Amino acid sequence: MASPLILAGKPVAEKFRLAVKRRVEELCAVGKPPPSLNVIQVGDDPASTVYVRSKLRTCRRLGIEHKLHHLPETTSEDELLDLIARLNKDSSVHGILVQLPLPKRMDASRVLFAIDPMKDVDGLHPVNVGRLWMGQPHLLPCTPHGIIELLNHYEIPIEGRRAVIIGRSQIVGKPLAALLMAENATVTVCHSRTRELAKVASEADILVAAVGRARFVTADFVKDGAVVVDVGVNRMEDENGKESLVGDVDFDAVLPKVSAISPVPGGVGPMTIAMLMVNVLVAYEEQLRR
């Protein structure tokens, strides 16, 4: 078998970032205000802080105005909902993102559903989810959208392929199933109750691991020549206490079997933020047309 193709996300993400930057410059050149993204973070979860900084840094690079509402852990759910209501009404705010996870005492669904669907740049509001499943997508969930664009960039055929997704989350697994079906793949979604999980996974032409367990997918999950997309981001320490990021796939174990594989880090991760920037632009242009 030829050497596997590494599905690096960074160059693909850069292509989308540059396209967004050029479009923002075009709009500003004709007197339009720049797009604006408001991010809400509740508490000081270290991983959330890293992700938020990366999102805001990308906004800065692309000419997108941005504001962080960093609320204390003690913020009540009603206070958070009041802030979202104000941002919904503010015509200068084009995108609203609530960084997850929220404190466990909060109802995340209630919070996310409070966002104006036109400003829901995470693509998680029921209106946007419903449009996706009805084949009329508007703002797509960022990670699934990024996966499709990653496969398309590297000319990985999707139509007619058997795709297996391990993980049924609202953020990745379920919306990705809709997007893969829209590309005419035959899709199986697996989860913790799936019987003979490794056997089902090993039938996939395209295997997506989004289970949130470090190196969960081993060689017996993967058939020869499969394309493997690793969505997992797990922090692990080695015997010396050094922390590193690893995916849901045991990369070294499956590498000899695959035709293509996304690395962690540097695979799906960069695509997620790039698709967020695309969504900010899409939301902005739609609101300009109102």
C-alpha atoms as a PDB file:
ATOM      1  CA  MET A   1       0.000   0.000   0.000  1.00  0.00           C
ATOM      2  CA  ALA A   2       1.203   3.511  -0.821  1.00  0.00           C
ATOM      3  CA  SER A   3       2.106   5.868   2.010  1.00  0.00           C
ATOM      4  CA  PRO A   4      -1.055   7.224   3.665  1.00  0.00           C
ATOM      5  CA  LEU A   5      -2.220  10.717   2.806  1.00  0.00           C
ATOM      6  CA  ILE A   6      -2.083  12.989   5.848  1.00  0.00           C
ATOM      7  CA  LEU A   7      -5.179  15.187   5.935  1.00  0.00           C
ATOM      8  CA  ALA A   8      -3.545  18.320   7.321  1.00  0.00           C
ATOM      9  CA  GLY A   9      -6.116  20.940   8.224  1.00  0.00           C
ATOM     10  CA  LYS A  10      -3.879  23.991   8.461  1.00  0.00           C
ATOM     11  CA  PRO A  11      -3.423  24.700   4.726  1.00  0.00           C
ATOM     12  CA  VAL A  12      -7.101  24.077   4.032  1.00  0.00           C
ATOM     13  CA  ALA A  13      -8.167  26.330   6.889  1.00  0.00           C
ATOM     14  CA  GLU A  14      -5.839  29.042   5.640  1.00  0.00           C
ATOM     15  CA  LYS A  15      -7.543  28.943   2.247  1.00  0.00           C
ATOM     16  CA  PHE A  16     -10.899  29.657   3.879  1.00  0.00           C
ATOM     17  CA  ARG A  17      -9.480  32.297   6.202  1.00  0.00           C
ATOM     18  CA  LEU A  18      -7.983  34.187   3.273  1.00  0.00           C
ATOM     19  CA  ALA A  19     -11.277  34.024   1.380  1.00  0.00           C
ATOM     20  CA  VAL A  20     -13.116  35.470   4.395  1.00  0.00           C
ATOM     21  CA  LYS A  21     -10.474  38.177   4.823  1.00  0.00           C
ATOM     22  CA  ARG A  22     -10.742  39.204   1.172  1.00  0.00           C
ATOM     23  CA  ARG A  23     -14.536  39.375   1.354  1.00  0.00           C
ATOM     24  CA  VAL A  24     -14.451  41.471   4.534  1.00  0.00           C
ATOM     25  CA  GLU A  25     -12.020  43.866   2.844  1.00  0.00           C
ATOM     26  CA  GLU A  26     -14.304  44.126  -0.204  1.00  0.00           C
ATOM     27  CA  LEU A  27     -17.319  44.967   1.936  1.00  0.00           C
ATOM     28  CA  CYS A  28     -15.448  47.502   4.032  1.00  0.00           C
ATOM     29  CA  ALA A  29     -14.083  49.121   0.842  1.00  0.00           C
ATOM     30  CA  VAL A  30     -17.636  50.001  -0.223  1.00  0.00           C
ATOM     31  CA  GLY A  31     -18.485  51.502   3.152  1.00  0.00           C
ATOM     32  CA  LYS A  32     -19.980  48.556   4.981  1.00  0.00           C
ATOM     33  CA  PRO A  33     -19.140  48.089   8.670  1.00  0.00           C
ATOM     34  CA  PRO A  34     -17.022  45.028   9.434  1.00  0.00           C
ATOM     35  CA  PRO A  35     -18.667  41.827  10.694  1.00  0.00           C
ATOM     36  CA  SER A  36     -18.847  41.503  14.467  1.00  0.00           C
ATOM     37  CA  LEU A  37     -18.603  38.374  16.615  1.00  0.00           C
ATOM     38  CA  ASN A  38     -19.481  38.395  20.318  1.00  0.00           C
ATOM     39  CA  VAL A  39     -18.212  35.463  22.393  1.00  0.00           C
ATOM     40  CA  ILE A  40     -19.603  34.627  25.825  1.00  0.00           C
ATOM     41  CA  GLN A  41     -17.503  32.605  28.274  1.00  0.00           C
ATOM     42  CA  VAL A  42     -18.795  31.726  31.733  1.00  0.00           C
ATOM     43  CA  GLY A  43     -16.102  30.815  34.239  1.00  0.00           C
ATOM     44  CA  ASP A  44     -12.433  30.012  33.727  1.00  0.00           C
ATOM     45  CA  ASP A  45     -12.253  26.542  32.219  1.00  0.00           C
ATOM     46  CA  PRO A  46      -8.637  26.378  30.958  1.00  0.00           C
ATOM     47  CA  ALA A  47      -9.461  24.631  27.675  1.00  0.00           C
ATOM     48  CA  SER A  48     -12.267  27.102  26.977  1.00  0.00           C
ATOM     49  CA  THR A  49      -9.903  30.003  27.571  1.00  0.00           C
ATOM     50  CA  VAL A  50      -7.457  28.597  25.013  1.00  0.00           C
ATOM     51  CA  TYR A  51     -10.209  28.060  22.427  1.00  0.00           C
ATOM     52  CA  VAL A  52     -11.674  31.528  22.957  1.00  0.00           C
ATOM     53  CA  ARG A  53      -8.289  33.196  22.556  1.00  0.00           C
ATOM     54  CA  SER A  54      -7.716  31.319  19.311  1.00  0.00           C
ATOM     55  CA  LYS A  55     -11.114  32.370  17.943  1.00  0.00           C
ATOM     56  CA  LEU A  56     -10.615  36.020  18.825  1.00  0.00           C
ATOM     57  CA  ARG A  57      -7.062  36.008  17.447  1.00  0.00           C
ATOM     58  CA  THR A  58      -8.405  34.665  14.140  1.00  0.00           C
ATOM     59  CA  CYS A  59     -11.081  37.385  14.077  1.00  0.00           C
ATOM     60  CA  ARG A  60      -8.347  39.985  14.516  1.00  0.00           C
ATOM     61  CA  ARG A  61      -6.397  38.554  11.569  1.00  0.00           C
ATOM     62  CA  LEU A  62      -9.425  38.623   9.284  1.00  0.00           C
ATOM     63  CA  GLY A  63     -10.688  42.092  10.107  1.00  0.00           C
ATOM     64  CA  ILE A  64     -13.710  40.825  12.042  1.00  0.00           C
ATOM     65  CA  GLU A  65     -14.676  42.925  15.030  1.00  0.00           C
ATOM     66  CA  HIS A  66     -14.883  40.864  18.183  1.00  0.00           C
ATOM     67  CA  LYS A  67     -15.815  41.182  21.824  1.00  0.00           C
ATOM     68  CA  LEU A  68     -15.455  38.750  24.705  1.00  0.00           C
ATOM     69  CA  HIS A  69     -18.038  38.764  27.483  1.00  0.00           C
ATOM     70  CA  HIS A  70     -16.109  36.874  30.172  1.00  0.00           C
ATOM     71  CA  LEU A  71     -18.619  36.286  32.947  1.00  0.00           C
ATOM     72  CA  PRO A  72     -17.801  34.984  36.412  1.00  0.00           C
ATOM     73  CA  GLU A  73     -18.601  31.409  37.383  1.00  0.00           C
ATOM     74  CA  THR A  74     -21.281  32.771  39.732  1.00  0.00           C
ATOM     75  CA  THR A  75     -23.304  34.299  36.874  1.00  0.00           C
ATOM     76  CA  SER A  76     -26.898  33.099  36.987  1.00  0.00           C
ATOM     77  CA  GLU A  77     -28.614  31.506  34.011  1.00  0.00           C
ATOM     78  CA  ASP A  78     -31.099  34.387  33.888  1.00  0.00           C
ATOM     79  CA  GLU A  79     -28.245  36.913  33.752  1.00  0.00           C
ATOM     80  CA  LEU A  80     -26.713  34.993  30.858  1.00  0.00           C
ATOM     81  CA  LEU A  81     -30.045  34.893  29.035  1.00  0.00           C
ATOM     82  CA  ASP A  82     -30.478  38.644  29.556  1.00  0.00           C
ATOM     83  CA  LEU A  83     -27.086  39.252  27.923  1.00  0.00           C
ATOM     84  CA  ILE A  84     -28.012  37.047  24.957  1.00  0.00           C
ATOM     85  CA  ALA A  85     -31.310  38.912  24.564  1.00  0.00           C
ATOM     86  CA  ARG A  86     -29.439  42.240  24.433  1.00  0.00           C
ATOM     87  CA  LEU A  87     -27.005  40.926  21.833  1.00  0.00           C
ATOM     88  CA  ASN A  88     -29.881  39.515  19.763  1.00  0.00           C
ATOM     89  CA  LYS A  89     -31.370  43.016  19.559  1.00  0.00           C
ATOM     90  CA  ASP A  90     -28.066  44.761  18.810  1.00  0.00           C
ATOM     91  CA  SER A  91     -27.853  45.236  15.038  1.00  0.00           C
ATOM     92  CA  SER A  92     -24.100  45.829  15.266  1.00  0.00           C
ATOM     93  CA  VAL A  93     -23.626  42.236  16.518  1.00  0.00           C
ATOM     94  CA  HIS A  94     -23.742  39.709  13.670  1.00  0.00           C
ATOM     95  CA  GLY A  95     -22.636  36.532  15.407  1.00  0.00           C
ATOM     96  CA  ILE A  96     -23.099  35.208  18.953  1.00  0.00           C
ATOM     97  CA  LEU A  97     -21.147  32.257  20.311  1.00  0.00           C
ATOM     98  CA  VAL A  98     -21.556  30.779  23.791  1.00  0.00           C
ATOM     99  CA  GLN A  99     -18.396  28.859  24.628  1.00  0.00           C
ATOM    100  CA  LEU A 100     -19.105  25.378  25.955  1.00  0.00           C
ATOM    101  CA  PRO A 101     -19.045  23.813  28.448  1.00  0.00           C
ATOM    102  CA  LEU A 102     -21.226  25.970  30.637  1.00  0.00           C
ATOM    103  CA  PRO A 103     -21.356  25.412  34.400  1.00  0.00           C
ATOM    104  CA  LYS A 104     -23.241  22.190  35.116  1.00  0.00           C
ATOM    105  CA  ARG A 105     -26.028  24.025  36.945  1.00  0.00           C
ATOM    106  CA  MET A 106     -26.996  25.773  33.691  1.00  0.00           C
ATOM    107  CA  ASP A 107     -29.295  24.315  31.043  1.00  0.00           C
ATOM    108  CA  ALA A 108     -27.051  24.515  27.974  1.00  0.00           C
ATOM    109  CA  SER A 109     -29.915  23.757  25.591  1.00  0.00           C
ATOM    110  CA  ARG A 110     -32.009  26.598  26.980  1.00  0.00           C
ATOM    111  CA  VAL A 111     -29.071  28.973  26.619  1.00  0.00           C
ATOM    112  CA  LEU A 112     -28.206  27.946  23.058  1.00  0.00           C
ATOM    113  CA  PHE A 113     -31.838  28.030  21.972  1.00  0.00           C
ATOM    114  CA  ALA A 114     -32.075  31.639  23.188  1.00  0.00           C
ATOM    115  CA  ILE A 115     -29.651  32.829  20.492  1.00  0.00           C
ATOM    116  CA  ASP A 116     -31.219  34.402  17.400  1.00  0.00           C
ATOM    117  CA  PRO A 117     -30.904  31.660  14.731  1.00  0.00           C
ATOM    118  CA  MET A 118     -29.581  34.282  12.301  1.00  0.00           C
ATOM    119  CA  LYS A 119     -26.700  34.997  14.717  1.00  0.00           C
ATOM    120  CA  ASP A 120     -26.112  31.371  15.752  1.00  0.00           C
ATOM    121  CA  VAL A 121     -22.619  30.990  14.294  1.00  0.00           C
ATOM    122  CA  ASP A 122     -22.135  27.623  16.018  1.00  0.00           C
ATOM    123  CA  GLY A 123     -25.073  26.272  14.002  1.00  0.00           C
ATOM    124  CA  LEU A 124     -26.643  24.583  17.039  1.00  0.00           C
ATOM    125  CA  HIS A 125     -30.030  26.313  17.271  1.00  0.00           C
ATOM    126  CA  PRO A 126     -32.984  23.996  16.437  1.00  0.00           C
ATOM    127  CA  VAL A 127     -33.865  26.198  13.450  1.00  0.00           C
ATOM    128  CA  ASN A 128     -30.418  25.706  11.925  1.00  0.00           C
ATOM    129  CA  VAL A 129     -30.339  22.020  12.851  1.00  0.00           C
ATOM    130  CA  GLY A 130     -33.765  21.557  11.272  1.00  0.00           C
ATOM    131  CA  ARG A 131     -32.711  23.353   8.107  1.00  0.00           C
ATOM    132  CA  LEU A 132     -29.672  21.081   7.872  1.00  0.00           C
ATOM    133  CA  TRP A 133     -31.773  17.913   8.112  1.00  0.00           C
ATOM    134  CA  MET A 134     -34.314  19.279   5.619  1.00  0.00           C
ATOM    135  CA  GLY A 135     -31.565  19.890   3.073  1.00  0.00           C
ATOM    136  CA  GLN A 136     -31.825  23.675   3.339  1.00  0.00           C
ATOM    137  CA  PRO A 137     -28.723  24.499   5.407  1.00  0.00           C
ATOM    138  CA  HIS A 138     -27.877  28.023   6.495  1.00  0.00           C
ATOM    139  CA  LEU A 139     -25.370  28.159   9.365  1.00  0.00           C
ATOM    140  CA  LEU A 140     -23.674  24.778   9.617  1.00  0.00           C
ATOM    141  CA  PRO A 141     -22.101  23.301  12.770  1.00  0.00           C
ATOM    142  CA  CYS A 142     -18.440  24.188  12.450  1.00  0.00           C
ATOM    143  CA  THR A 143     -16.657  20.891  13.065  1.00  0.00           C
ATOM    144  CA  PRO A 144     -18.853  18.745  10.763  1.00  0.00           C
ATOM    145  CA  HIS A 145     -18.666  21.409   8.051  1.00  0.00           C
ATOM    146  CA  GLY A 146     -14.895  21.473   8.463  1.00  0.00           C
ATOM    147  CA  ILE A 147     -14.685  17.700   8.055  1.00  0.00           C
ATOM    148  CA  ILE A 148     -16.604  17.797   4.775  1.00  0.00           C
ATOM    149  CA  GLU A 149     -14.407  20.606   3.451  1.00  0.00           C
ATOM    150  CA  LEU A 150     -11.267  18.735   4.537  1.00  0.00           C
ATOM    151  CA  LEU A 151     -12.358  15.618   2.632  1.00  0.00           C
ATOM    152  CA  ASN A 152     -13.313  17.666  -0.409  1.00  0.00           C
ATOM    153  CA  HIS A 153     -10.003  19.518  -0.455  1.00  0.00           C
ATOM    154  CA  TYR A 154      -8.032  16.282  -0.510  1.00  0.00           C
ATOM    155  CA  GLU A 155     -10.399  14.847  -3.130  1.00  0.00           C
ATOM    156  CA  ILE A 156     -11.591  12.011  -0.918  1.00  0.00           C
ATOM    157  CA  PRO A 157     -14.680  10.560  -2.631  1.00  0.00           C
ATOM    158  CA  ILE A 158     -17.771  10.576  -0.402  1.00  0.00           C
ATOM    159  CA  GLU A 159     -20.598   9.640  -2.762  1.00  0.00           C
ATOM    160  CA  GLY A 160     -21.462   5.961  -2.562  1.00  0.00           C
ATOM    161  CA  ARG A 161     -19.026   5.353   0.289  1.00  0.00           C
ATOM    162  CA  ARG A 162     -19.888   3.646   3.563  1.00  0.00           C
ATOM    163  CA  ALA A 163     -19.272   6.145   6.364  1.00  0.00           C
ATOM    164  CA  VAL A 164     -19.224   5.185  10.032  1.00  0.00           C
ATOM    165  CA  ILE A 165     -19.255   7.827  12.780  1.00  0.00           C
ATOM    166  CA  ILE A 166     -18.331   6.828  16.309  1.00  0.00           C
ATOM    167  CA  GLY A 167     -20.140   9.347  18.500  1.00  0.00           C
ATOM    168  CA  ARG A 168     -23.660  10.777  18.361  1.00  0.00           C
ATOM    169  CA  SER A 169     -23.220  14.221  19.897  1.00  0.00           C
ATOM    170  CA  GLN A 170     -25.314  17.202  18.852  1.00  0.00           C
ATOM    171  CA  ILE A 171     -22.112  19.066  17.987  1.00  0.00           C
ATOM    172  CA  VAL A 172     -20.379  16.501  15.749  1.00  0.00           C
ATOM    173  CA  GLY A 173     -21.931  13.082  15.247  1.00  0.00           C
ATOM    174  CA  LYS A 174     -25.535  13.896  14.397  1.00  0.00           C
ATOM    175  CA  PRO A 175     -24.962  16.912  12.125  1.00  0.00           C
ATOM    176  CA  LEU A 176     -22.068  15.168  10.399  1.00  0.00           C
ATOM    177  CA  ALA A 177     -24.393  12.281   9.567  1.00  0.00           C
ATOM    178  CA  ALA A 178     -26.735  14.748   7.829  1.00  0.00           C
ATOM    179  CA  LEU A 179     -23.883  16.347   5.878  1.00  0.00           C
ATOM    180  CA  LEU A 180     -22.458  12.993   4.778  1.00  0.00           C
ATOM    181  CA  MET A 181     -25.889  11.844   3.632  1.00  0.00           C
ATOM    182  CA  ALA A 182     -26.233  15.079   1.686  1.00  0.00           C
ATOM    183  CA  GLU A 183     -23.014  14.022  -0.074  1.00  0.00           C
ATOM    184  CA  ASN A 184     -24.673  10.656  -0.882  1.00  0.00           C
ATOM    185  CA  ALA A 185     -22.723   8.538   1.584  1.00  0.00           C
ATOM    186  CA  THR A 186     -24.378   5.614   3.357  1.00  0.00           C
ATOM    187  CA  VAL A 187     -24.027   6.513   7.028  1.00  0.00           C
ATOM    188  CA  THR A 188     -23.967   4.510  10.255  1.00  0.00           C
ATOM    189  CA  VAL A 189     -23.804   6.344  13.589  1.00  0.00           C
ATOM    190  CA  CYS A 190     -22.333   4.302  16.434  1.00  0.00           C
ATOM    191  CA  HIS A 191     -22.375   4.982  20.164  1.00  0.00           C
ATOM    192  CA  SER A 192     -21.782   3.404  23.557  1.00  0.00           C
ATOM    193  CA  ARG A 193     -24.640   0.905  23.083  1.00  0.00           C
ATOM    194  CA  THR A 194     -23.556  -0.264  19.629  1.00  0.00           C
ATOM    195  CA  ARG A 195     -22.925  -3.997  19.590  1.00  0.00           C
ATOM    196  CA  GLU A 196     -19.689  -5.267  18.031  1.00  0.00           C
ATOM    197  CA  LEU A 197     -18.491  -1.690  17.582  1.00  0.00           C
ATOM    198  CA  ALA A 198     -15.099  -2.610  16.163  1.00  0.00           C
ATOM    199  CA  LYS A 199     -16.722  -4.912  13.597  1.00  0.00           C
ATOM    200  CA  VAL A 200     -19.153  -2.190  12.456  1.00  0.00           C
ATOM    201  CA  ALA A 201     -16.354   0.374  12.278  1.00  0.00           C
ATOM    202  CA  SER A 202     -14.172  -1.980  10.256  1.00  0.00           C
ATOM    203  CA  GLU A 203     -16.746  -1.940   7.447  1.00  0.00           C
ATOM    204  CA  ALA A 204     -16.262   1.803   6.872  1.00  0.00           C
ATOM    205  CA  ASP A 205     -14.686   3.372   3.835  1.00  0.00           C
ATOM    206  CA  ILE A 206     -14.684   6.624   5.841  1.00  0.00           C
ATOM    207  CA  LEU A 207     -14.375   6.267   9.613  1.00  0.00           C
ATOM    208  CA  VAL A 208     -14.903   9.319  11.846  1.00  0.00           C
ATOM    209  CA  ALA A 209     -13.864   9.056  15.492  1.00  0.00           C
ATOM    210  CA  ALA A 210     -15.666  11.550  17.728  1.00  0.00           C
ATOM    211  CA  VAL A 211     -16.030   9.643  20.962  1.00  0.00           C
ATOM    212  CA  GLY A 212     -13.858  11.700  23.312  1.00  0.00           C
ATOM    213  CA  ARG A 213     -11.664   8.815  24.508  1.00  0.00           C
ATOM    214  CA  ALA A 214      -7.941   8.919  23.927  1.00  0.00           C
ATOM    215  CA  ARG A 215      -6.654   6.371  21.382  1.00  0.00           C
ATOM    216  CA  PHE A 216      -9.937   4.472  21.556  1.00  0.00           C
ATOM    217  CA  VAL A 217      -9.887   3.479  17.878  1.00  0.00           C
ATOM    218  CA  THR A 218      -7.276   0.786  17.349  1.00  0.00           C
ATOM    219  CA  ALA A 219      -6.215  -1.196  14.295  1.00  0.00           C
ATOM    220  CA  ASP A 220      -9.067  -3.710  14.603  1.00  0.00           C
ATOM    221  CA  PHE A 221     -11.565  -0.861  14.016  1.00  0.00           C
ATOM    222  CA  VAL A 222     -10.080  -0.009  10.631  1.00  0.00           C
ATOM    223  CA  LYS A 223     -10.242  -1.894   7.361  1.00  0.00           C
ATOM    224  CA  ASP A 224      -7.366  -1.783   4.899  1.00  0.00           C
ATOM    225  CA  GLY A 225      -7.487   1.351   2.774  1.00  0.00           C
ATOM    226  CA  ALA A 226     -10.001   3.234   4.923  1.00  0.00           C
ATOM    227  CA  VAL A 227     -10.002   7.003   5.354  1.00  0.00           C
ATOM    228  CA  VAL A 228      -9.891   7.930   9.049  1.00  0.00           C
ATOM    229  CA  VAL A 229     -10.924  11.332  10.409  1.00  0.00           C
ATOM    230  CA  ASP A 230      -9.976  11.932  14.041  1.00  0.00           C
ATOM    231  CA  VAL A 231     -12.083  14.567  15.816  1.00  0.00           C
ATOM    232  CA  GLY A 232     -10.823  13.837  19.329  1.00  0.00           C
ATOM    233  CA  VAL A 233      -8.690  16.208  21.378  1.00  0.00           C
ATOM    234  CA  ASN A 234      -7.502  14.552  24.572  1.00  0.00           C
ATOM    235  CA  ARG A 235      -4.796  15.730  26.947  1.00  0.00           C
ATOM    236  CA  MET A 236      -2.449  13.026  28.212  1.00  0.00           C
ATOM    237  CA  GLU A 237       0.679  12.999  30.337  1.00  0.00           C
ATOM    238  CA  ASP A 238       3.647  10.742  29.618  1.00  0.00           C
ATOM    239  CA  GLU A 239       5.739   9.031  32.271  1.00  0.00           C
ATOM    240  CA  ASN A 240       7.718  12.261  32.709  1.00  0.00           C
ATOM    241  CA  GLY A 241       4.617  14.322  33.371  1.00  0.00           C
ATOM    242  CA  LYS A 242       4.783  16.086  29.993  1.00  0.00           C
ATOM    243  CA  GLU A 243       1.338  16.866  28.585  1.00  0.00           C
ATOM    244  CA  SER A 244       0.471  16.262  24.944  1.00  0.00           C
ATOM    245  CA  LEU A 245      -2.616  16.239  22.755  1.00  0.00           C
ATOM    246  CA  VAL A 246      -3.780  12.948  21.279  1.00  0.00           C
ATOM    247  CA  GLY A 247      -6.832  12.009  19.280  1.00  0.00           C
ATOM    248  CA  ASP A 248      -9.497   9.354  19.624  1.00  0.00           C
ATOM    249  CA  VAL A 249      -7.483   7.244  17.178  1.00  0.00           C
ATOM    250  CA  ASP A 250      -4.325   5.318  18.028  1.00  0.00           C
ATOM    251  CA  PHE A 251      -2.513   7.018  15.156  1.00  0.00           C
ATOM    252  CA  ASP A 252       0.608   4.844  15.042  1.00  0.00           C
ATOM    253  CA  ALA A 253      -1.387   1.617  15.273  1.00  0.00           C
ATOM    254  CA  VAL A 254      -3.793   2.395  12.429  1.00  0.00           C
ATOM    255  CA  LEU A 255      -1.378   4.242  10.124  1.00  0.00           C
ATOM    256  CA  PRO A 256      -0.183   1.111   8.258  1.00  0.00           C
ATOM    257  CA  LYS A 257      -3.791   0.227   7.338  1.00  0.00           C
ATOM    258  CA  VAL A 258      -5.256   3.539   6.158  1.00  0.00           C
ATOM    259  CA  SER A 259      -5.206   5.315   2.815  1.00  0.00           C
ATOM    260  CA  ALA A 260      -5.645   8.712   4.505  1.00  0.00           C
ATOM    261  CA  ILE A 261      -5.835   9.999   8.073  1.00  0.00           C
ATOM    262  CA  SER A 262      -6.186  13.326   9.854  1.00  0.00           C
ATOM    263  CA  PRO A 263      -3.603  14.064  12.559  1.00  0.00           C
ATOM    264  CA  VAL A 264      -4.141  15.426  16.074  1.00  0.00           C
ATOM    265  CA  PRO A 265      -3.263  18.175  16.490  1.00  0.00           C
ATOM    266  CA  GLY A 266      -3.358  19.895  13.094  1.00  0.00           C
ATOM    267  CA  GLY A 267      -6.198  18.056  11.399  1.00  0.00           C
ATOM    268  CA  VAL A 268      -9.837  18.858  12.113  1.00  0.00           C
ATOM    269  CA  GLY A 269      -9.072  21.497  14.765  1.00  0.00           C
ATOM    270  CA  PRO A 270      -7.958  24.304  12.424  1.00  0.00           C
ATOM    271  CA  MET A 271     -10.945  23.611  10.190  1.00  0.00           C
ATOM    272  CA  THR A 272     -13.397  24.191  13.035  1.00  0.00           C
ATOM    273  CA  ILE A 273     -12.259  27.764  13.648  1.00  0.00           C
ATOM    274  CA  ALA A 274     -12.065  28.482   9.908  1.00  0.00           C
ATOM    275  CA  MET A 275     -15.684  27.367   9.477  1.00  0.00           C
ATOM    276  CA  LEU A 276     -16.672  29.581  12.402  1.00  0.00           C
ATOM    277  CA  MET A 277     -15.237  32.542  10.500  1.00  0.00           C
ATOM    278  CA  VAL A 278     -17.184  31.458   7.403  1.00  0.00           C
ATOM    279  CA  ASN A 279     -20.360  31.369   9.496  1.00  0.00           C
ATOM    280  CA  VAL A 280     -19.721  34.870  10.864  1.00  0.00           C
ATOM    281  CA  LEU A 281     -19.441  36.137   7.295  1.00  0.00           C
ATOM    282  CA  VAL A 282     -22.547  34.239   6.147  1.00  0.00           C
ATOM    283  CA  ALA A 283     -24.566  35.579   9.092  1.00  0.00           C
ATOM    284  CA  TYR A 284     -23.283  39.110   8.477  1.00  0.00           C
ATOM    285  CA  GLU A 285     -24.146  39.141   4.772  1.00  0.00           C
ATOM    286  CA  GLU A 286     -27.606  37.709   5.439  1.00  0.00           C
ATOM    287  CA  GLN A 287     -28.278  40.435   7.998  1.00  0.00           C
ATOM    288  CA  LEU A 288     -27.094  43.095   5.549  1.00  0.00           C
ATOM    289  CA  ARG A 289     -29.783  41.866   3.144  1.00  0.00           C
ATOM    290  CA  ARG A 290     -32.556  42.223   5.716  1.00  0.00           C
END
